[in-house]
């Protein structure tokens, strides 16, 4: 009985730190936690929002055998668009890279891995676009997902829309891990 309790405490620690596992593949962040609200530093700056628009640091481990590259997306299924909202799309992350530092979502920062591509979001520009749900619309869920891919590069344009990137991610996906953070205004 004590052993079961110890395992439950151990597992709750990992859920609390933002780890979500998918077949051993995991995603963590020192900045966001699974099921918790994000800080205003991540909020978009525009569209009526006044945050700092800083992308959180993300780290992943346990990628499936045969992984040749990674991609990261941030998606809000609760956006009142009928199709959700893509907040970040970065792909062609080399297989030897296992993290994105805080602020890597700013294309001008030079913090994204060499060779990676930050494609167009639903804000119409590349890079991270933080949460900015309509005032009073309730809690929105932001799915930060890392994809392990079976190709070194996705052969798509750098300004490809998120849906095109998503199609290619799913066609080449070996595994994925997600942290779902929350935000509301």
N, C-alpha and C. Protein backbone atom coordinates (compact mmCIF):
# COMPACT_ATOMS: atom_id res chain seq x y z
N UNK A 1 0.81 -1.18 0.00
CA UNK A 1 0.00 0.00 0.00
C UNK A 1 0.87 1.26 0.00
N UNK A 2 1.92 1.25 0.79
CA UNK A 2 2.83 2.40 0.83
C UNK A 2 3.47 2.59 -0.53
N UNK A 3 3.85 1.50 -1.17
CA UNK A 3 4.48 1.58 -2.50
C UNK A 3 3.53 2.21 -3.52
N UNK A 4 2.27 1.84 -3.50
CA UNK A 4 1.29 2.42 -4.42
C UNK A 4 1.18 3.92 -4.17
N UNK A 5 1.13 4.33 -2.91
CA UNK A 5 1.06 5.74 -2.56
C UNK A 5 2.29 6.48 -3.09
N UNK A 6 3.48 5.88 -2.93
CA UNK A 6 4.71 6.52 -3.40
C UNK A 6 4.68 6.70 -4.92
N UNK A 7 4.20 5.71 -5.63
CA UNK A 7 4.11 5.80 -7.09
C UNK A 7 3.12 6.90 -7.48
N UNK A 8 1.98 6.97 -6.77
CA UNK A 8 0.99 8.00 -7.08
C UNK A 8 1.56 9.40 -6.84
N UNK A 9 2.29 9.60 -5.76
CA UNK A 9 2.92 10.89 -5.48
C UNK A 9 3.94 11.21 -6.56
N UNK A 10 4.74 10.23 -6.93
CA UNK A 10 5.75 10.40 -7.97
C UNK A 10 5.10 10.82 -9.29
N UNK A 11 4.03 10.14 -9.68
CA UNK A 11 3.36 10.45 -10.94
C UNK A 11 2.68 11.82 -10.88
N UNK A 12 2.10 12.19 -9.74
CA UNK A 12 1.45 13.49 -9.64
C UNK A 12 2.47 14.61 -9.76
N UNK A 13 3.70 14.37 -9.33
CA UNK A 13 4.75 15.37 -9.50
C UNK A 13 4.98 15.64 -10.98
N UNK A 14 5.05 14.59 -11.77
CA UNK A 14 5.31 14.78 -13.19
C UNK A 14 4.14 15.45 -13.91
N UNK A 15 2.92 15.09 -13.56
CA UNK A 15 1.78 15.75 -14.18
C UNK A 15 1.80 17.22 -13.80
N UNK A 16 2.12 17.53 -12.56
CA UNK A 16 2.16 18.90 -12.10
C UNK A 16 3.24 19.74 -12.75
N UNK A 17 4.32 19.14 -13.20
CA UNK A 17 5.38 19.92 -13.82
C UNK A 17 5.16 20.11 -15.31
N UNK A 18 4.11 19.52 -15.84
CA UNK A 18 3.80 19.77 -17.24
C UNK A 18 4.18 18.64 -18.16
N UNK A 19 4.53 17.50 -17.65
CA UNK A 19 4.91 16.38 -18.50
C UNK A 19 3.66 15.65 -18.94
N UNK A 20 3.55 15.42 -20.23
CA UNK A 20 2.50 14.56 -20.75
C UNK A 20 3.21 13.53 -21.62
N UNK A 21 2.99 12.28 -21.31
CA UNK A 21 3.71 11.22 -22.01
C UNK A 21 2.86 10.60 -23.11
N UNK A 22 3.54 10.23 -24.17
CA UNK A 22 2.95 9.46 -25.25
C UNK A 22 3.95 8.41 -25.65
N UNK A 23 3.81 7.19 -25.18
CA UNK A 23 4.73 6.09 -25.48
C UNK A 23 6.18 6.43 -25.11
N UNK A 24 6.39 7.08 -23.98
CA UNK A 24 7.73 7.42 -23.52
C UNK A 24 8.24 8.76 -24.02
N UNK A 25 7.59 9.32 -25.00
CA UNK A 25 7.96 10.63 -25.54
C UNK A 25 7.30 11.67 -24.64
N UNK A 26 8.07 12.63 -24.12
CA UNK A 26 7.50 13.58 -23.17
C UNK A 26 7.91 15.01 -23.49
N UNK A 27 7.07 15.93 -23.08
CA UNK A 27 7.28 17.36 -23.26
C UNK A 27 7.16 18.01 -21.89
N UNK A 28 8.12 18.88 -21.56
CA UNK A 28 8.09 19.60 -20.29
C UNK A 28 8.37 21.08 -20.56
N UNK A 29 8.09 21.89 -19.55
CA UNK A 29 8.37 23.32 -19.65
C UNK A 29 8.55 23.89 -18.25
N UNK A 30 9.56 24.74 -18.07
CA UNK A 30 9.67 25.45 -16.79
C UNK A 30 8.70 26.65 -16.71
N UNK A 31 8.05 26.98 -17.84
CA UNK A 31 7.23 28.18 -17.92
C UNK A 31 5.72 27.93 -17.89
N UNK A 32 5.30 26.78 -18.38
CA UNK A 32 3.88 26.45 -18.41
C UNK A 32 3.69 25.07 -17.81
N UNK A 33 2.49 24.86 -17.27
CA UNK A 33 2.18 23.57 -16.65
C UNK A 33 0.88 23.04 -17.22
N UNK A 34 0.85 21.75 -17.42
CA UNK A 34 -0.36 21.10 -17.93
C UNK A 34 -1.54 21.37 -17.00
N UNK A 35 -2.62 21.92 -17.57
CA UNK A 35 -3.82 22.17 -16.80
C UNK A 35 -3.83 23.47 -16.01
N UNK A 36 -2.74 24.23 -16.05
CA UNK A 36 -2.67 25.50 -15.31
C UNK A 36 -2.74 26.69 -16.28
N UNK A 37 -3.06 27.85 -15.72
CA UNK A 37 -3.13 29.07 -16.51
C UNK A 37 -1.72 29.60 -16.80
N UNK A 38 -1.55 30.11 -18.02
CA UNK A 38 -0.28 30.71 -18.42
C UNK A 38 -0.15 32.11 -17.82
N UNK A 39 1.08 32.55 -17.65
CA UNK A 39 1.37 33.90 -17.17
C UNK A 39 1.10 34.93 -18.28
N UNK A 40 0.84 36.15 -17.89
CA UNK A 40 0.55 37.20 -18.88
C UNK A 40 1.75 37.52 -19.76
N UNK A 41 2.96 37.13 -19.36
CA UNK A 41 4.12 37.38 -20.23
C UNK A 41 3.99 36.65 -21.57
N UNK A 42 3.18 35.59 -21.60
CA UNK A 42 3.00 34.83 -22.84
C UNK A 42 1.88 35.39 -23.70
N UNK A 43 1.05 36.27 -23.12
CA UNK A 43 -0.09 36.83 -23.86
C UNK A 43 0.39 37.62 -25.07
N UNK A 44 -0.37 37.52 -26.14
CA UNK A 44 -0.10 38.24 -27.38
C UNK A 44 -0.10 39.75 -27.12
N UNK A 45 0.62 40.49 -27.95
CA UNK A 45 0.61 41.95 -27.88
C UNK A 45 -0.01 42.46 -29.18
N UNK A 46 -1.31 42.69 -29.15
CA UNK A 46 -2.07 43.11 -30.32
C UNK A 46 -3.48 42.53 -30.21
N UNK A 47 -4.36 42.86 -31.15
CA UNK A 47 -5.74 42.34 -31.15
C UNK A 47 -6.44 42.67 -29.83
N UNK A 48 -6.05 43.74 -29.17
CA UNK A 48 -6.64 44.11 -27.89
C UNK A 48 -5.94 43.51 -26.68
N UNK A 49 -4.91 42.72 -26.90
CA UNK A 49 -4.13 42.14 -25.80
C UNK A 49 -2.84 42.93 -25.62
N UNK A 50 -2.31 42.93 -24.40
CA UNK A 50 -1.13 43.76 -24.13
C UNK A 50 -0.02 42.99 -23.42
N UNK A 51 0.10 41.71 -23.71
CA UNK A 51 1.15 40.90 -23.10
C UNK A 51 2.51 41.13 -23.74
N UNK A 52 3.47 40.35 -23.31
CA UNK A 52 4.83 40.46 -23.85
C UNK A 52 5.08 39.53 -25.03
N UNK A 53 4.14 38.61 -25.29
CA UNK A 53 4.22 37.68 -26.41
C UNK A 53 5.52 36.87 -26.40
N UNK A 54 5.89 36.36 -25.24
CA UNK A 54 7.11 35.56 -25.10
C UNK A 54 6.74 34.09 -25.14
N UNK A 55 7.32 33.35 -26.07
CA UNK A 55 7.06 31.91 -26.15
C UNK A 55 7.74 31.23 -24.96
N UNK A 56 7.07 30.23 -24.38
CA UNK A 56 7.66 29.52 -23.24
C UNK A 56 8.79 28.60 -23.68
N UNK A 57 9.68 28.32 -22.75
CA UNK A 57 10.72 27.32 -22.99
C UNK A 57 10.05 25.95 -23.02
N UNK A 58 10.49 25.10 -23.94
CA UNK A 58 9.96 23.74 -24.07
C UNK A 58 11.13 22.77 -24.17
N UNK A 59 10.96 21.61 -23.54
CA UNK A 59 11.99 20.55 -23.59
C UNK A 59 11.30 19.21 -23.82
N UNK A 60 11.93 18.36 -24.62
CA UNK A 60 11.34 17.05 -24.87
C UNK A 60 12.41 15.97 -24.80
N UNK A 61 11.94 14.76 -24.53
CA UNK A 61 12.85 13.61 -24.42
C UNK A 61 12.08 12.34 -24.77
N UNK A 62 12.84 11.26 -24.99
CA UNK A 62 12.24 9.97 -25.27
C UNK A 62 11.63 9.86 -26.65
N UNK A 63 12.21 10.55 -27.63
CA UNK A 63 11.66 10.50 -28.99
C UNK A 63 11.70 9.07 -29.52
N UNK A 64 10.72 8.72 -30.35
CA UNK A 64 10.68 7.38 -30.92
C UNK A 64 11.91 7.08 -31.79
N UNK A 65 12.24 5.81 -31.86
CA UNK A 65 13.33 5.33 -32.74
C UNK A 65 13.05 5.79 -34.16
N UNK A 66 14.07 6.26 -34.86
CA UNK A 66 13.92 6.68 -36.24
C UNK A 66 13.56 8.14 -36.43
N UNK A 67 13.47 8.91 -35.33
CA UNK A 67 13.14 10.33 -35.44
C UNK A 67 14.25 11.06 -36.20
N UNK A 68 13.86 11.81 -37.22
CA UNK A 68 14.82 12.55 -38.04
C UNK A 68 14.67 14.07 -37.91
N UNK A 69 13.57 14.52 -37.34
CA UNK A 69 13.39 15.95 -37.07
C UNK A 69 12.20 16.10 -36.13
N UNK A 70 12.01 17.34 -35.67
CA UNK A 70 10.89 17.67 -34.79
C UNK A 70 10.14 18.88 -35.32
N UNK A 71 8.94 19.04 -34.83
CA UNK A 71 8.14 20.24 -35.09
C UNK A 71 7.37 20.54 -33.81
N UNK A 72 7.04 21.80 -33.63
CA UNK A 72 6.24 22.22 -32.48
C UNK A 72 5.09 23.08 -32.99
N UNK A 73 3.91 22.82 -32.45
CA UNK A 73 2.75 23.65 -32.77
C UNK A 73 2.07 24.08 -31.48
N UNK A 74 1.36 25.20 -31.55
CA UNK A 74 0.49 25.63 -30.46
C UNK A 74 -0.86 25.94 -31.10
N UNK A 75 -1.89 25.28 -30.58
CA UNK A 75 -3.23 25.36 -31.17
C UNK A 75 -4.26 25.59 -30.09
N UNK A 76 -5.21 26.49 -30.37
CA UNK A 76 -6.33 26.77 -29.47
C UNK A 76 -7.61 26.28 -30.14
N UNK A 77 -8.16 25.15 -29.68
CA UNK A 77 -9.39 24.64 -30.29
C UNK A 77 -10.63 25.44 -29.91
N UNK A 78 -10.51 26.32 -28.91
CA UNK A 78 -11.66 27.06 -28.39
C UNK A 78 -11.90 28.40 -29.08
N UNK A 79 -11.01 28.79 -29.97
CA UNK A 79 -11.18 30.08 -30.65
C UNK A 79 -12.50 30.08 -31.43
N UNK A 80 -13.23 31.18 -31.38
CA UNK A 80 -14.55 31.22 -32.02
C UNK A 80 -14.47 31.46 -33.53
N UNK A 81 -13.78 30.53 -34.20
CA UNK A 81 -13.59 30.65 -35.65
C UNK A 81 -14.25 29.53 -36.43
N UNK A 82 -14.62 28.47 -35.75
CA UNK A 82 -15.12 27.28 -36.43
C UNK A 82 -14.00 26.31 -36.77
N UNK A 83 -12.75 26.79 -36.66
CA UNK A 83 -11.61 25.92 -36.98
C UNK A 83 -10.45 26.08 -35.99
N UNK A 84 -10.69 26.72 -34.84
CA UNK A 84 -9.61 26.92 -33.87
C UNK A 84 -8.67 28.02 -34.33
N UNK A 85 -7.51 28.09 -33.65
CA UNK A 85 -6.52 29.14 -33.95
C UNK A 85 -5.12 28.58 -33.75
N UNK A 86 -4.27 28.74 -34.78
CA UNK A 86 -2.87 28.30 -34.71
C UNK A 86 -2.02 29.46 -34.20
N UNK A 87 -1.34 29.23 -33.07
CA UNK A 87 -0.55 30.26 -32.41
C UNK A 87 0.95 30.14 -32.67
N UNK A 88 1.40 28.97 -33.09
CA UNK A 88 2.83 28.79 -33.38
C UNK A 88 3.00 27.54 -34.20
N UNK A 89 3.83 27.65 -35.23
CA UNK A 89 4.14 26.51 -36.08
C UNK A 89 5.63 26.61 -36.41
N UNK A 90 6.43 25.71 -35.86
CA UNK A 90 7.86 25.69 -36.14
C UNK A 90 8.23 24.25 -36.50
N UNK A 91 8.90 24.08 -37.64
CA UNK A 91 9.24 22.74 -38.12
C UNK A 91 10.67 22.72 -38.65
N UNK A 92 11.11 21.54 -39.08
CA UNK A 92 12.49 21.29 -39.51
C UNK A 92 13.48 21.56 -38.38
N UNK A 93 13.07 21.21 -37.18
CA UNK A 93 13.97 21.28 -36.02
C UNK A 93 14.85 20.03 -36.08
N UNK A 94 16.17 20.17 -36.13
CA UNK A 94 17.06 19.01 -36.26
C UNK A 94 16.85 17.98 -35.14
N UNK A 95 17.09 16.73 -35.48
CA UNK A 95 16.86 15.61 -34.54
C UNK A 95 17.74 15.68 -33.30
N UNK A 96 18.85 16.39 -33.35
CA UNK A 96 19.72 16.48 -32.17
C UNK A 96 19.34 17.65 -31.24
N UNK A 97 18.29 18.37 -31.57
CA UNK A 97 17.79 19.46 -30.74
C UNK A 97 16.63 18.92 -29.91
N UNK A 98 16.64 19.21 -28.60
CA UNK A 98 15.60 18.69 -27.71
C UNK A 98 14.98 19.78 -26.84
N UNK A 99 15.11 21.03 -27.28
CA UNK A 99 14.49 22.11 -26.53
C UNK A 99 14.41 23.38 -27.37
N UNK A 100 13.46 24.22 -27.00
CA UNK A 100 13.37 25.57 -27.53
C UNK A 100 13.45 26.49 -26.32
N UNK A 101 14.40 27.42 -26.31
CA UNK A 101 14.51 28.32 -25.16
C UNK A 101 13.37 29.33 -25.13
N UNK A 102 13.12 29.89 -23.98
CA UNK A 102 12.13 30.96 -23.82
C UNK A 102 12.46 32.06 -24.84
N UNK A 103 11.46 32.50 -25.57
CA UNK A 103 11.65 33.57 -26.55
C UNK A 103 12.02 33.10 -27.93
N UNK A 104 12.19 31.79 -28.14
CA UNK A 104 12.57 31.27 -29.46
C UNK A 104 11.51 31.54 -30.51
N UNK A 105 10.28 31.81 -30.08
CA UNK A 105 9.19 32.08 -31.01
C UNK A 105 9.25 33.45 -31.66
N UNK A 106 10.19 34.28 -31.26
CA UNK A 106 10.41 35.56 -31.92
C UNK A 106 11.43 35.33 -33.04
N UNK A 107 10.99 35.34 -34.31
CA UNK A 107 11.93 35.03 -35.40
C UNK A 107 13.17 35.93 -35.43
N UNK A 108 13.08 37.13 -34.90
CA UNK A 108 14.22 38.04 -34.89
C UNK A 108 15.20 37.81 -33.75
N UNK A 109 14.87 36.91 -32.83
CA UNK A 109 15.71 36.70 -31.66
C UNK A 109 16.94 35.85 -31.93
N UNK A 110 16.90 35.04 -32.98
CA UNK A 110 18.01 34.12 -33.25
C UNK A 110 18.06 32.94 -32.29
N UNK A 111 17.01 32.72 -31.51
CA UNK A 111 17.00 31.63 -30.53
C UNK A 111 16.45 30.32 -31.07
N UNK A 112 15.77 30.36 -32.20
CA UNK A 112 15.27 29.12 -32.79
C UNK A 112 16.43 28.33 -33.39
N UNK A 113 16.33 27.00 -33.42
CA UNK A 113 17.44 26.19 -33.95
C UNK A 113 17.75 26.52 -35.41
N UNK A 114 19.03 26.46 -35.75
CA UNK A 114 19.47 26.69 -37.13
C UNK A 114 18.76 25.70 -38.04
N UNK A 115 18.25 26.21 -39.16
CA UNK A 115 17.57 25.37 -40.14
C UNK A 115 16.09 25.20 -39.91
N UNK A 116 15.60 25.60 -38.72
CA UNK A 116 14.17 25.47 -38.45
C UNK A 116 13.40 26.56 -39.18
N UNK A 117 12.12 26.31 -39.38
CA UNK A 117 11.25 27.25 -40.08
C UNK A 117 10.07 27.58 -39.16
N UNK A 118 9.84 28.88 -38.95
CA UNK A 118 8.65 29.33 -38.23
C UNK A 118 7.68 29.81 -39.28
N UNK A 119 6.65 29.02 -39.48
CA UNK A 119 5.68 29.31 -40.52
C UNK A 119 4.61 30.27 -40.04
N UNK A 120 3.73 30.61 -40.94
CA UNK A 120 2.66 31.58 -40.69
C UNK A 120 1.63 31.02 -39.70
N UNK A 121 1.26 31.85 -38.75
CA UNK A 121 0.21 31.49 -37.80
C UNK A 121 -1.10 32.12 -38.26
N UNK A 122 -2.15 31.93 -37.47
CA UNK A 122 -3.42 32.56 -37.82
C UNK A 122 -3.42 34.06 -37.54
N UNK A 123 -2.35 34.58 -36.94
CA UNK A 123 -2.19 36.03 -36.84
C UNK A 123 -1.67 36.60 -38.17
N UNK A 124 -1.29 35.71 -39.11
CA UNK A 124 -0.84 36.12 -40.43
C UNK A 124 0.65 36.32 -40.56
N UNK A 125 1.39 36.06 -39.51
CA UNK A 125 2.84 36.24 -39.53
C UNK A 125 3.53 35.01 -38.92
N UNK A 126 4.81 34.83 -39.20
CA UNK A 126 5.54 33.72 -38.58
C UNK A 126 5.90 34.01 -37.13
N UNK A 127 6.18 32.97 -36.40
CA UNK A 127 6.61 33.11 -35.01
C UNK A 127 5.47 32.87 -34.05
N UNK A 128 5.81 32.91 -32.77
CA UNK A 128 4.85 32.68 -31.70
C UNK A 128 3.89 33.85 -31.58
N UNK A 129 2.61 33.53 -31.50
CA UNK A 129 1.58 34.50 -31.20
C UNK A 129 0.85 34.00 -29.96
N UNK A 130 1.06 34.64 -28.86
CA UNK A 130 0.54 34.16 -27.58
C UNK A 130 -0.98 34.17 -27.49
N UNK A 131 -1.49 33.69 -26.36
CA UNK A 131 -2.93 33.64 -26.18
C UNK A 131 -3.54 35.03 -26.17
N UNK A 132 -4.73 35.13 -26.75
CA UNK A 132 -5.47 36.39 -26.77
C UNK A 132 -6.95 36.09 -27.02
N UNK A 133 -7.55 35.31 -26.13
CA UNK A 133 -8.96 34.97 -26.35
C UNK A 133 -9.85 36.20 -26.16
N UNK A 134 -11.02 36.18 -26.78
CA UNK A 134 -11.94 37.30 -26.57
C UNK A 134 -12.31 37.47 -25.09
N UNK A 135 -12.44 38.70 -24.66
CA UNK A 135 -12.83 38.99 -23.28
C UNK A 135 -14.19 38.35 -23.01
N UNK A 136 -14.27 37.62 -21.89
CA UNK A 136 -15.52 37.00 -21.48
C UNK A 136 -15.89 35.73 -22.21
N UNK A 137 -15.00 35.22 -23.06
CA UNK A 137 -15.29 34.01 -23.84
C UNK A 137 -15.04 32.73 -23.05
N UNK A 138 -14.53 32.87 -21.85
CA UNK A 138 -14.27 31.69 -21.03
C UNK A 138 -12.84 31.19 -21.18
N UNK A 139 -12.59 30.04 -20.58
CA UNK A 139 -11.26 29.44 -20.58
C UNK A 139 -10.96 28.84 -21.96
N UNK A 140 -9.78 29.17 -22.46
CA UNK A 140 -9.29 28.56 -23.71
C UNK A 140 -8.16 27.60 -23.38
N UNK A 141 -8.05 26.54 -24.17
CA UNK A 141 -7.04 25.49 -23.99
C UNK A 141 -5.99 25.63 -25.09
N UNK A 142 -4.74 25.76 -24.68
CA UNK A 142 -3.64 25.95 -25.63
C UNK A 142 -2.79 24.69 -25.63
N UNK A 143 -2.81 23.98 -26.76
CA UNK A 143 -2.11 22.70 -26.89
C UNK A 143 -0.74 22.91 -27.50
N UNK A 144 0.27 22.81 -26.66
CA UNK A 144 1.67 22.87 -27.08
C UNK A 144 2.06 21.43 -27.40
N UNK A 145 2.36 21.13 -28.67
CA UNK A 145 2.64 19.76 -29.08
C UNK A 145 3.97 19.70 -29.81
N UNK A 146 4.80 18.75 -29.41
CA UNK A 146 6.03 18.45 -30.15
C UNK A 146 5.77 17.17 -30.94
N UNK A 147 6.16 17.19 -32.20
CA UNK A 147 6.02 16.04 -33.09
C UNK A 147 7.39 15.48 -33.42
N UNK A 148 7.54 14.17 -33.33
CA UNK A 148 8.74 13.47 -33.81
C UNK A 148 8.42 13.00 -35.23
N UNK A 149 9.27 13.34 -36.17
CA UNK A 149 8.98 13.07 -37.58
C UNK A 149 9.98 12.10 -38.20
N UNK A 150 9.53 11.41 -39.25
CA UNK A 150 10.37 10.41 -39.93
C UNK A 150 11.14 10.98 -41.12
N UNK A 151 11.14 12.30 -41.27
CA UNK A 151 11.90 12.98 -42.34
C UNK A 151 12.76 14.08 -41.72
N UNK A 152 13.89 14.37 -42.37
CA UNK A 152 14.77 15.43 -41.88
C UNK A 152 14.18 16.81 -42.11
N UNK A 153 13.43 16.95 -43.21
CA UNK A 153 12.85 18.25 -43.54
C UNK A 153 11.48 18.04 -44.17
N UNK A 154 10.56 18.91 -43.83
CA UNK A 154 9.28 18.95 -44.53
C UNK A 154 9.48 19.81 -45.77
N UNK A 155 9.14 19.29 -46.92
CA UNK A 155 9.33 20.00 -48.18
C UNK A 155 8.09 20.84 -48.48
N UNK A 156 7.94 21.91 -47.70
CA UNK A 156 6.82 22.82 -47.88
C UNK A 156 7.35 24.25 -47.76
N UNK A 157 6.64 25.21 -48.33
CA UNK A 157 7.12 26.60 -48.29
C UNK A 157 7.22 27.14 -46.87
N UNK A 158 8.13 28.07 -46.66
CA UNK A 158 8.32 28.68 -45.34
C UNK A 158 7.08 29.45 -44.88
N UNK A 159 6.28 29.93 -45.82
CA UNK A 159 5.07 30.67 -45.44
C UNK A 159 3.81 29.81 -45.54
N UNK A 160 3.99 28.50 -45.50
CA UNK A 160 2.85 27.58 -45.59
C UNK A 160 1.87 27.85 -44.46
N UNK A 161 0.58 27.80 -44.75
CA UNK A 161 -0.40 27.96 -43.68
C UNK A 161 -0.35 26.77 -42.72
N UNK A 162 -0.82 27.00 -41.50
CA UNK A 162 -0.75 25.98 -40.46
C UNK A 162 -1.43 24.68 -40.86
N UNK A 163 -2.55 24.76 -41.58
CA UNK A 163 -3.25 23.54 -41.98
C UNK A 163 -2.38 22.68 -42.90
N UNK A 164 -1.63 23.30 -43.80
CA UNK A 164 -0.73 22.55 -44.68
C UNK A 164 0.39 21.92 -43.87
N UNK A 165 0.94 22.66 -42.92
CA UNK A 165 1.98 22.10 -42.06
C UNK A 165 1.41 20.93 -41.27
N UNK A 166 0.23 21.12 -40.68
CA UNK A 166 -0.40 20.07 -39.91
C UNK A 166 -0.63 18.80 -40.71
N UNK A 167 -1.05 18.95 -41.95
CA UNK A 167 -1.23 17.79 -42.83
C UNK A 167 0.08 17.02 -42.97
N UNK A 168 1.17 17.74 -43.22
CA UNK A 168 2.48 17.11 -43.38
C UNK A 168 2.99 16.51 -42.08
N UNK A 169 2.72 17.18 -40.96
CA UNK A 169 3.13 16.63 -39.67
C UNK A 169 2.46 15.28 -39.43
N UNK A 170 1.17 15.22 -39.68
CA UNK A 170 0.45 13.97 -39.45
C UNK A 170 0.87 12.88 -40.44
N UNK A 171 1.29 13.25 -41.64
CA UNK A 171 1.75 12.27 -42.63
C UNK A 171 3.11 11.68 -42.26
N UNK A 172 3.89 12.39 -41.44
CA UNK A 172 5.26 11.95 -41.10
C UNK A 172 5.47 11.73 -39.60
N UNK A 173 4.41 11.71 -38.84
CA UNK A 173 4.49 11.63 -37.38
C UNK A 173 4.85 10.23 -36.90
N UNK A 174 5.92 10.16 -36.08
CA UNK A 174 6.28 8.93 -35.37
C UNK A 174 5.72 8.94 -33.94
N UNK A 175 5.55 10.13 -33.39
CA UNK A 175 5.03 10.28 -32.04
C UNK A 175 4.80 11.74 -31.74
N UNK A 176 4.07 11.99 -30.66
CA UNK A 176 3.81 13.37 -30.24
C UNK A 176 3.63 13.40 -28.74
N UNK A 177 3.89 14.57 -28.16
CA UNK A 177 3.67 14.79 -26.73
C UNK A 177 3.11 16.20 -26.58
N UNK A 178 2.20 16.39 -25.64
CA UNK A 178 1.47 17.65 -25.52
C UNK A 178 1.39 18.13 -24.08
N UNK A 179 1.49 19.45 -23.92
CA UNK A 179 1.13 20.14 -22.69
C UNK A 179 -0.05 21.03 -23.05
N UNK A 180 -1.13 20.94 -22.29
CA UNK A 180 -2.28 21.80 -22.54
C UNK A 180 -2.38 22.82 -21.42
N UNK A 181 -2.05 24.08 -21.74
CA UNK A 181 -2.12 25.17 -20.78
C UNK A 181 -3.39 25.98 -21.05
N UNK A 182 -3.77 26.78 -20.07
CA UNK A 182 -5.04 27.52 -20.15
C UNK A 182 -4.80 29.03 -20.13
N UNK A 183 -5.82 29.76 -20.63
CA UNK A 183 -5.78 31.22 -20.57
C UNK A 183 -7.19 31.75 -20.75
N UNK A 184 -7.49 32.87 -20.12
CA UNK A 184 -8.76 33.56 -20.33
C UNK A 184 -8.60 35.04 -20.01
N UNK A 185 -9.50 35.84 -20.59
CA UNK A 185 -9.50 37.28 -20.30
C UNK A 185 -10.90 37.69 -19.92
